[in-house]
Amino acid sequence: MMTGLRNRFVLAAALLAGGLSVVSAVGGSQAQEIQVSGGVTDVNVYVAEGGDSLWDIADRFFSDPWYWPTLWSFNPHITNPNWIFPGDKVYLIPPGPTERDENGFALSESRFAPGVRDELALGRRVGYVSDEELRAAGVISNSREDKIMLGERDDIYIKFETARRINKGDLVLIYRQGDRMRNPVTHKWMGWEIRYLGMARVTDTEQDMNKAVIMKSFEEIYRGDKVATFAPLQRMVPPVENSKEVTGSIVASFDGVNFLGEYHYVMIDKGSRDDVMAGNRFLVVTHGDGIETQGRRHRRNAPEFPEETSGELLVIEARDNSSLCIVTYANREFEVGATVRMPAGY
């Protein structure tokens, strides 16, 4: 009974986005420890159930089953990713050393305090391209396969509308064009939402129609999907210290998500021209009453209230005037238009 209750508490800890750092009930040899995410020395932990695999867990928590090799690297105690037993602990972020208070418990300043989270994030799942980049992209116009949905080892034919030098043996990324993105504050067009589908290797460039073979696919690929210059698909981005204070806004989300939380991708209106670089961290900040600000997407000036933190973003890729970020921490949902601040030295 106690073991089941403990498992439920640990599972809830991996799903919640903030709370007490560490709570331990000390009772001799039967001491019970409950780990709650969001503290300085703790980790996100999932307690496995019957039938779980790293593939399933990666799909459940990161919406990407291909994240399982990275997830496995966080869990060296798991010898076979296909065989996980009920009760096994699966670390969702790299585990770090823990410190236990001699009195048996330690409390953070606030249950909303995120603490310091050195988290590595997997990039190249979603992104955005400019109008110019979209025009320069190739198109999967045809395939020798007699099927609609294409996948790994299938042959494809790529056509470029503009002059483009491509060589046999080159790698290209495959992506799907999404909606056009508009800045909700300035109402200016920013680019196009894209979703990466996989990668292919060019095998023949002798004809106008370039031939390639799909080497890796994350989901079904169709004729009409785009190709672009190759960049690493599994790029780990470690946090780096912020060089200066920068304040901006979340200007877009992906996949039609309105209420944002942990592991969602977002776009902000600050980039390399503002000295923002990959690995920088932004805090999602609010001012005012929790109910009063609900639904007011652009409420930014409430000087009579102290600044409160709703979440944290890690910059995955910085462009000139914008950056792609992933939400690494959230204690409540927030929306496009939320204010973000990059503290100097953080």
Protein backbone atom coordinates (compact mmCIF):
# COMPACT_ATOMS: atom_id res chain seq x y z
CA MET A 1 0.00 0.00 0.00
CA MET A 2 2.75 2.42 0.97
CA THR A 3 4.80 1.45 -2.13
CA GLY A 4 1.87 2.20 -4.42
CA LEU A 5 1.25 5.53 -2.70
CA ARG A 6 4.92 6.41 -3.03
CA ASN A 7 4.92 5.58 -6.73
CA ARG A 8 1.92 7.83 -7.30
CA PHE A 9 3.66 10.73 -5.55
CA VAL A 10 6.84 10.30 -7.61
CA LEU A 11 4.86 10.04 -10.85
CA ALA A 12 2.95 13.19 -9.97
CA ALA A 13 6.28 14.88 -9.34
CA ALA A 14 7.41 14.23 -12.89
CA LEU A 15 4.21 15.73 -14.29
CA LEU A 16 3.96 18.83 -12.11
CA ALA A 17 5.92 21.95 -13.01
CA GLY A 18 7.07 23.36 -9.70
CA GLY A 19 6.74 22.83 -6.03
CA LEU A 20 8.74 22.06 -2.90
CA SER A 21 12.36 21.23 -3.54
CA VAL A 22 12.69 18.03 -1.52
CA VAL A 23 10.55 16.59 1.26
CA SER A 24 11.70 13.61 3.32
CA ALA A 25 9.80 12.02 6.15
CA VAL A 26 12.39 10.57 8.48
CA GLY A 27 11.35 7.47 10.35
CA GLY A 28 14.36 5.25 10.90
CA SER A 29 14.83 2.38 8.46
CA GLN A 30 11.37 3.00 6.94
CA ALA A 31 12.10 6.60 5.91
CA GLN A 32 10.05 7.68 2.90
CA GLU A 33 11.39 10.18 0.40
CA ILE A 34 9.16 12.06 -2.05
CA GLN A 35 10.91 13.89 -4.88
CA VAL A 36 9.06 16.87 -6.33
CA SER A 37 10.28 18.56 -9.52
CA GLY A 38 11.29 22.19 -9.65
CA GLY A 39 13.89 22.36 -6.87
CA VAL A 40 17.61 23.06 -6.91
CA THR A 41 18.95 19.53 -6.39
CA ASP A 42 16.13 17.32 -7.61
CA VAL A 43 15.30 15.67 -10.95
CA ASN A 44 12.23 14.79 -12.94
CA VAL A 45 11.43 11.14 -12.33
CA TYR A 46 8.88 8.81 -13.92
CA VAL A 47 8.07 5.50 -12.23
CA ALA A 48 7.57 2.82 -14.86
CA GLU A 49 4.43 0.75 -15.20
CA GLY A 50 3.89 -2.65 -16.78
CA GLY A 51 4.54 -2.70 -20.53
CA ASP A 52 6.53 0.57 -20.62
CA SER A 53 9.50 1.08 -22.94
CA LEU A 54 11.75 4.09 -23.49
CA TRP A 55 10.08 4.56 -26.88
CA ASP A 56 6.66 4.88 -25.19
CA ILE A 57 7.95 7.16 -22.42
CA ALA A 58 9.71 9.49 -24.90
CA ASP A 59 6.52 9.71 -26.94
CA ARG A 60 4.43 10.41 -23.82
CA PHE A 61 6.54 13.16 -22.24
CA PHE A 62 8.33 14.69 -25.25
CA SER A 63 5.85 13.95 -28.08
CA ASP A 64 8.78 12.37 -29.92
CA PRO A 65 9.50 8.62 -29.66
CA TRP A 66 12.84 9.13 -31.43
CA TYR A 67 14.05 10.94 -28.29
CA TRP A 68 14.52 7.53 -26.64
CA PRO A 69 18.35 7.26 -27.19
CA THR A 70 18.86 10.58 -25.39
CA LEU A 71 16.47 9.47 -22.64
CA TRP A 72 18.42 6.21 -22.33
CA SER A 73 21.66 8.18 -21.84
CA PHE A 74 20.09 9.72 -18.72
CA ASN A 75 19.40 6.23 -17.31
CA PRO A 76 22.53 4.03 -17.39
CA HIS A 77 20.88 1.66 -14.91
CA ILE A 78 18.51 0.55 -17.69
CA THR A 79 20.38 -2.19 -19.59
CA ASN A 80 17.70 -2.86 -22.22
CA PRO A 81 15.45 -0.01 -23.44
CA ASN A 82 12.75 -2.50 -24.43
CA TRP A 83 12.59 -4.13 -21.00
CA ILE A 84 11.61 -1.81 -18.17
CA PHE A 85 10.04 -3.27 -15.07
CA PRO A 86 7.21 -1.81 -12.96
CA GLY A 87 8.67 0.43 -10.27
CA ASP A 88 11.85 1.31 -12.21
CA LYS A 89 12.78 4.99 -12.00
CA VAL A 90 13.26 6.74 -15.36
CA TYR A 91 15.02 10.12 -15.22
CA LEU A 92 13.51 12.59 -17.72
CA ILE A 93 16.48 14.96 -17.44
CA PRO A 94 20.14 14.21 -16.61
CA PRO A 95 20.30 13.24 -12.92
CA GLY A 96 22.61 15.26 -10.71
CA PRO A 97 23.98 14.88 -7.20
CA THR A 98 21.49 15.51 -4.42
CA GLU A 99 22.02 17.05 -0.99
CA ARG A 100 19.86 16.01 1.92
CA ASP A 101 19.16 18.33 4.83
CA GLU A 102 20.23 16.84 8.19
CA ASN A 103 16.81 17.66 9.65
CA GLY A 104 15.10 15.56 7.00
CA PHE A 105 13.54 18.29 4.86
CA ALA A 106 14.33 21.43 2.90
CA LEU A 107 11.88 24.02 1.63
CA SER A 108 12.29 26.40 -1.26
CA GLU A 109 11.43 30.08 -0.91
CA SER A 110 8.18 29.59 -2.83
CA ARG A 111 6.37 26.64 -4.34
CA PHE A 112 6.61 28.54 -7.64
CA ALA A 113 10.41 28.94 -7.47
CA PRO A 114 12.06 27.12 -10.40
CA GLY A 115 15.54 26.90 -8.91
CA VAL A 116 18.51 26.20 -11.19
CA ARG A 117 17.88 23.60 -13.87
CA ASP A 118 20.82 22.74 -16.13
CA GLU A 119 18.80 20.93 -18.76
CA LEU A 120 19.82 19.73 -22.18
CA ALA A 121 17.18 20.10 -24.89
CA LEU A 122 16.77 18.27 -28.17
CA GLY A 123 16.39 20.61 -31.13
CA ARG A 124 15.40 20.22 -34.80
CA ARG A 125 11.83 19.02 -34.40
CA VAL A 126 10.04 22.23 -35.29
CA GLY A 127 11.22 25.59 -36.52
CA TYR A 128 10.52 28.39 -38.96
CA VAL A 129 11.88 29.67 -42.26
CA SER A 130 11.82 33.02 -44.03
CA ASP A 131 10.12 33.67 -47.37
CA GLU A 132 13.53 33.62 -49.04
CA GLU A 133 14.46 30.27 -47.49
CA LEU A 134 11.11 28.82 -48.53
CA ARG A 135 11.64 29.90 -52.15
CA ALA A 136 15.10 28.29 -52.16
CA ALA A 137 13.82 24.98 -50.78
CA GLY A 138 13.50 21.89 -52.91
CA VAL A 139 10.29 19.88 -53.25
CA ILE A 140 9.75 16.12 -53.15
CA SER A 141 7.86 16.09 -56.43
CA ASN A 142 7.78 12.35 -57.14
CA SER A 143 8.85 8.93 -55.92
CA ARG A 144 9.44 5.54 -57.53
CA GLU A 145 7.45 3.99 -54.69
CA ASP A 146 3.86 2.93 -55.46
CA LYS A 147 2.47 4.33 -52.21
CA ILE A 148 1.34 7.66 -50.82
CA MET A 149 3.11 7.66 -47.45
CA LEU A 150 6.90 7.46 -47.69
CA GLY A 151 9.43 6.40 -45.07
CA GLU A 152 12.95 5.14 -44.48
CA ARG A 153 14.77 3.50 -47.44
CA ASP A 154 12.24 4.86 -49.94
CA ASP A 155 13.52 6.60 -53.08
CA ILE A 156 12.37 10.15 -53.78
CA TYR A 157 12.86 12.72 -56.55
CA ILE A 158 13.68 16.31 -55.58
CA LYS A 159 13.06 19.35 -57.76
CA PHE A 160 14.39 22.87 -57.18
CA GLU A 161 12.56 25.85 -58.66
CA THR A 162 15.64 28.07 -58.32
CA ALA A 163 19.24 27.42 -59.35
CA ARG A 164 20.76 25.24 -56.68
CA ARG A 165 24.03 23.34 -56.56
CA ILE A 166 23.54 19.89 -55.11
CA ASN A 167 26.00 17.00 -55.21
CA LYS A 168 25.78 13.26 -55.00
CA GLY A 169 26.23 12.19 -51.37
CA ASP A 170 24.81 15.42 -49.88
CA LEU A 171 22.44 15.16 -46.93
CA VAL A 172 19.24 17.20 -46.88
CA LEU A 173 16.57 17.80 -44.27
CA ILE A 174 12.94 17.04 -45.05
CA TYR A 175 10.28 19.30 -43.56
CA ARG A 176 6.62 20.21 -43.93
CA GLN A 177 5.51 23.80 -44.39
CA GLY A 178 2.94 25.04 -41.89
CA ASP A 179 1.12 28.31 -41.31
CA ARG A 180 2.54 31.75 -41.90
CA MET A 181 3.54 33.39 -38.62
CA ARG A 182 2.62 36.97 -37.67
CA ASN A 183 3.99 38.91 -34.71
CA PRO A 184 0.95 39.57 -32.45
CA VAL A 185 2.48 42.80 -31.16
CA THR A 186 3.80 44.45 -34.36
CA HIS A 187 1.47 42.51 -36.73
CA LYS A 188 4.41 42.00 -39.12
CA TRP A 189 4.93 38.70 -40.96
CA MET A 190 7.88 36.75 -39.53
CA GLY A 191 8.15 33.57 -41.59
CA TRP A 192 6.64 30.13 -41.94
CA GLU A 193 6.17 27.42 -39.33
CA ILE A 194 7.83 24.14 -40.29
CA ARG A 195 8.03 20.64 -38.85
CA TYR A 196 11.05 18.43 -39.52
CA LEU A 197 10.15 15.01 -40.88
CA GLY A 198 13.52 13.34 -41.47
CA MET A 199 16.63 13.37 -43.62
CA ALA A 200 17.69 11.99 -47.02
CA ARG A 201 20.91 11.37 -48.93
CA VAL A 202 21.27 12.46 -52.57
CA THR A 203 22.17 9.50 -54.82
CA ASP A 204 21.94 10.94 -58.35
CA THR A 205 22.14 14.47 -59.81
CA GLU A 206 22.64 13.67 -63.50
CA GLN A 207 19.09 14.66 -64.46
CA ASP A 208 16.99 17.73 -63.70
CA MET A 209 15.14 15.61 -61.15
CA ASN A 210 17.56 14.83 -58.31
CA LYS A 211 17.25 11.37 -56.78
CA ALA A 212 17.63 10.70 -53.04
CA VAL A 213 16.90 7.99 -50.50
CA ILE A 214 15.22 8.67 -47.15
CA MET A 215 17.69 7.76 -44.39
CA LYS A 216 15.63 8.74 -41.33
CA SER A 217 11.96 9.60 -40.85
CA PHE A 218 10.12 10.77 -37.74
CA GLU A 219 6.66 10.57 -39.29
CA GLU A 220 5.07 9.92 -42.67
CA ILE A 221 6.56 11.85 -45.60
CA TYR A 222 4.48 12.87 -48.62
CA ARG A 223 5.06 14.16 -52.13
CA GLY A 224 5.03 17.95 -51.84
CA ASP A 225 7.09 18.09 -48.63
CA LYS A 226 10.14 20.38 -48.72
CA VAL A 227 13.88 19.79 -48.43
CA ALA A 228 16.58 22.13 -47.12
CA THR A 229 20.29 22.21 -46.37
CA PHE A 230 21.29 19.64 -43.78
CA ALA A 231 21.81 20.53 -40.11
CA PRO A 232 22.18 18.09 -37.20
CA LEU A 233 18.81 16.62 -36.23
CA GLN A 234 19.71 15.65 -32.68
CA ARG A 235 21.47 18.75 -31.42
CA MET A 236 21.91 18.99 -27.65
CA VAL A 237 21.92 22.57 -26.36
CA PRO A 238 23.53 23.10 -22.93
CA PRO A 239 22.66 26.28 -20.99
CA VAL A 240 25.14 29.17 -21.19
CA GLU A 241 25.40 32.30 -19.03
CA ASN A 242 23.41 35.29 -20.27
CA SER A 243 25.67 38.18 -21.29
CA LYS A 244 23.14 40.99 -20.76
CA GLU A 245 19.55 41.81 -19.74
CA VAL A 246 17.06 41.45 -22.60
CA THR A 247 13.25 41.76 -22.48
CA GLY A 248 10.92 40.53 -25.20
CA SER A 249 7.73 38.59 -25.92
CA ILE A 250 6.60 35.15 -27.00
CA VAL A 251 5.32 35.79 -30.52
CA ALA A 252 4.39 32.30 -31.78
CA SER A 253 3.79 28.69 -30.78
CA PHE A 254 3.68 25.52 -32.85
CA ASP A 255 1.12 22.83 -33.72
CA GLY A 256 -1.79 25.10 -32.81
CA VAL A 257 -0.99 25.04 -29.07
CA ASN A 258 -2.68 27.95 -27.24
CA PHE A 259 -1.81 27.22 -23.60
CA LEU A 260 1.91 26.64 -23.22
CA GLY A 261 3.77 24.47 -20.72
CA GLU A 262 6.89 22.33 -20.36
CA TYR A 263 8.50 20.94 -23.55
CA HIS A 264 6.45 23.12 -25.89
CA TYR A 265 8.37 25.01 -28.58
CA VAL A 266 7.88 28.78 -28.89
CA MET A 267 9.29 31.70 -30.84
CA ILE A 268 10.38 34.98 -29.22
CA ASP A 269 11.04 38.38 -30.81
CA LYS A 270 14.69 38.67 -29.72
CA GLY A 271 17.68 37.23 -31.57
CA SER A 272 21.38 37.49 -32.27
CA ARG A 273 21.16 41.25 -32.93
CA ASP A 274 20.10 41.53 -29.27
CA ASP A 275 23.12 39.39 -28.21
CA VAL A 276 20.91 36.31 -27.75
CA MET A 277 22.53 32.95 -28.51
CA ALA A 278 21.70 29.26 -28.26
CA GLY A 279 21.79 28.16 -24.61
CA ASN A 280 20.58 31.47 -23.16
CA ARG A 281 17.61 31.22 -20.78
CA PHE A 282 14.61 33.52 -20.58
CA LEU A 283 12.15 33.76 -17.68
CA VAL A 284 8.45 34.07 -18.49
CA VAL A 285 7.34 36.89 -16.17
CA THR A 286 4.00 38.35 -15.10
CA HIS A 287 2.72 41.18 -12.88
CA GLY A 288 -0.63 41.38 -11.19
CA ASP A 289 -3.36 39.22 -9.71
CA GLY A 290 -3.51 35.62 -10.96
CA ILE A 291 -7.21 35.78 -11.86
CA GLU A 292 -7.18 39.35 -13.11
CA THR A 293 -4.45 38.64 -15.68
CA GLN A 294 -6.02 35.38 -16.86
CA GLY A 295 -6.84 35.78 -20.56
CA ARG A 296 -5.19 39.22 -20.86
CA ARG A 297 -2.48 38.20 -23.25
CA HIS A 298 -0.52 41.45 -23.43
CA ARG A 299 -0.80 42.82 -19.89
CA ARG A 300 2.77 43.94 -19.22
CA ASN A 301 2.72 47.07 -17.06
CA ALA A 302 1.56 46.65 -13.48
CA PRO A 303 4.33 48.38 -11.53
CA GLU A 304 2.47 48.14 -8.22
CA PHE A 305 2.96 44.35 -8.27
CA PRO A 306 6.29 42.50 -7.95
CA GLU A 307 7.52 40.43 -10.88
CA GLU A 308 6.52 36.76 -10.75
CA THR A 309 7.99 33.89 -12.80
CA SER A 310 5.64 31.56 -14.69
CA GLY A 311 8.21 29.56 -16.60
CA GLU A 312 11.61 29.33 -18.21
CA LEU A 313 12.71 29.05 -21.86
CA LEU A 314 15.94 27.67 -23.32
CA VAL A 315 17.07 29.15 -26.64
CA ILE A 316 17.55 26.38 -29.22
CA GLU A 317 18.37 28.53 -32.25
CA ALA A 318 18.91 32.29 -32.55
CA ARG A 319 18.18 34.18 -35.80
CA ASP A 320 18.78 37.90 -36.40
CA ASN A 321 15.56 39.20 -34.83
CA SER A 322 13.94 36.09 -33.34
CA SER A 323 14.78 32.83 -31.58
CA LEU A 324 13.35 29.33 -31.32
CA CYS A 325 13.00 28.20 -27.68
CA ILE A 326 11.77 25.23 -25.70
CA VAL A 327 9.88 25.59 -22.40
CA THR A 328 11.97 23.80 -19.77
CA TYR A 329 9.94 24.82 -16.72
CA ALA A 330 6.41 26.07 -16.04
CA ASN A 331 4.39 26.49 -12.84
CA ARG A 332 1.27 27.56 -14.74
CA GLU A 333 0.19 27.83 -18.36
CA PHE A 334 0.95 30.95 -20.37
CA GLU A 335 0.10 32.15 -23.88
CA VAL A 336 1.56 33.82 -26.94
CA GLY A 337 2.19 37.46 -26.04
CA ALA A 338 3.64 36.68 -22.61
CA THR A 339 6.62 38.80 -21.53
CA VAL A 340 10.02 37.09 -21.32
CA ARG A 341 13.17 38.42 -19.68
CA MET A 342 16.77 37.24 -20.02
CA PRO A 343 18.51 38.12 -16.71
CA ALA A 344 22.16 39.09 -17.03
CA GLY A 345 24.48 36.49 -15.54
CA TYR A 346 21.79 33.81 -15.26
